[in-house]
Amino acid sequence: MSCEQLLIGLIIYTYPNALLLVAVTLLFVAVIFRSQWVCEQRCIVMDLYGPIYYEALPTCRVMFWMFWVWDIDVFLAMGWGDS
């Protein structure tokens, strides 16, 4: 077996694993970014609007999983609350 064949075999073997590693890393970064955004937005609502509007927000879990919503006013307009 030549050196070139070993190198090609190594690239073919590790390439899918490297792609998976990059994909998982990007997913982790997105999760961390979204959870940080949710935390910051909930703190901003509490500081600026007070507890009444804060209680109108959905739970942290709902805000986290609704990743397509990036405007806090949309969450406030939904009128979710614990009551």
Protein backbone atom coordinates (compact mmCIF):
# COMPACT_ATOMS: atom_id res chain seq x y z
CA MET A 1 0.00 0.00 0.00
CA SER A 2 1.49 3.31 -1.02
CA CYS A 3 1.63 6.48 0.99
CA GLU A 4 -0.87 8.16 -1.34
CA GLN A 5 -3.38 5.37 -0.82
CA LEU A 6 -3.03 5.65 2.94
CA LEU A 7 -3.53 9.40 2.78
CA ILE A 8 -6.62 9.08 0.58
CA GLY A 9 -8.03 6.39 2.87
CA LEU A 10 -7.43 8.60 5.89
CA ILE A 11 -9.17 11.56 4.26
CA ILE A 12 -12.16 9.45 3.21
CA TYR A 13 -12.42 8.00 6.72
CA THR A 14 -12.12 11.28 8.65
CA TYR A 15 -14.04 13.63 6.33
CA PRO A 16 -17.57 12.58 7.45
CA ASN A 17 -16.47 12.69 11.08
CA ALA A 18 -15.10 16.19 10.62
CA LEU A 19 -18.35 17.34 9.01
CA LEU A 20 -20.32 15.88 11.90
CA LEU A 21 -18.05 17.64 14.38
CA VAL A 22 -18.55 20.98 12.63
CA ALA A 23 -22.33 20.50 12.48
CA VAL A 24 -22.59 19.60 16.16
CA THR A 25 -20.35 22.52 17.13
CA LEU A 26 -22.52 24.95 15.14
CA LEU A 27 -25.61 23.54 16.81
CA PHE A 28 -24.07 24.04 20.27
CA VAL A 29 -23.12 27.62 19.43
CA ALA A 30 -26.67 28.33 18.23
CA VAL A 31 -28.16 26.85 21.41
CA ILE A 32 -25.88 28.93 23.62
CA PHE A 33 -26.60 32.08 21.62
CA ARG A 34 -30.37 31.56 21.79
CA SER A 35 -30.39 30.81 25.53
CA GLN A 36 -28.32 33.93 26.17
CA TRP A 37 -30.73 36.00 24.05
CA VAL A 38 -33.76 34.65 25.95
CA CYS A 39 -32.15 35.44 29.31
CA GLU A 40 -31.20 38.97 28.25
CA GLN A 41 -34.63 39.73 26.79
CA ARG A 42 -36.43 38.50 29.89
CA CYS A 43 -34.20 40.70 32.06
CA ILE A 44 -34.83 43.71 29.79
CA VAL A 45 -38.60 43.19 29.97
CA MET A 46 -38.46 42.97 33.77
CA ASP A 47 -36.29 46.09 34.06
CA LEU A 48 -38.11 48.26 31.52
CA TYR A 49 -41.73 47.13 31.63
CA GLY A 50 -42.11 45.66 35.09
CA PRO A 51 -43.53 42.47 36.52
CA ILE A 52 -46.92 42.65 34.78
CA TYR A 53 -45.37 42.44 31.32
CA TYR A 54 -42.79 39.96 32.55
CA GLU A 55 -45.56 37.61 33.66
CA ALA A 56 -47.19 37.99 30.24
CA LEU A 57 -44.12 36.40 28.65
CA PRO A 58 -44.17 32.68 27.93
CA THR A 59 -41.84 30.44 29.89
CA CYS A 60 -38.14 30.34 29.13
CA ARG A 61 -38.53 26.94 27.52
CA VAL A 62 -41.23 28.18 25.12
CA MET A 63 -39.18 31.25 24.24
CA PHE A 64 -36.14 29.07 23.63
CA TRP A 65 -37.90 26.59 21.34
CA MET A 66 -39.67 29.28 19.31
CA PHE A 67 -36.33 30.08 17.68
CA TRP A 68 -37.96 31.75 14.67
CA VAL A 69 -39.18 34.64 16.88
CA TRP A 70 -36.48 37.25 17.49
CA ASP A 71 -38.66 40.22 18.46
CA ILE A 72 -39.63 40.40 22.12
CA ASP A 73 -42.74 42.42 21.24
CA VAL A 74 -44.14 39.37 19.43
CA PHE A 75 -43.93 37.39 22.66
CA LEU A 76 -45.58 40.22 24.57
CA ALA A 77 -48.35 40.48 21.98
CA MET A 78 -49.10 36.77 22.37
CA GLY A 79 -50.24 37.51 25.89
CA TRP A 80 -49.05 34.25 27.38
CA GLY A 81 -49.11 34.08 31.10
CA ASP A 82 -49.15 31.61 33.91
CA SER A 83 -52.76 32.43 34.77
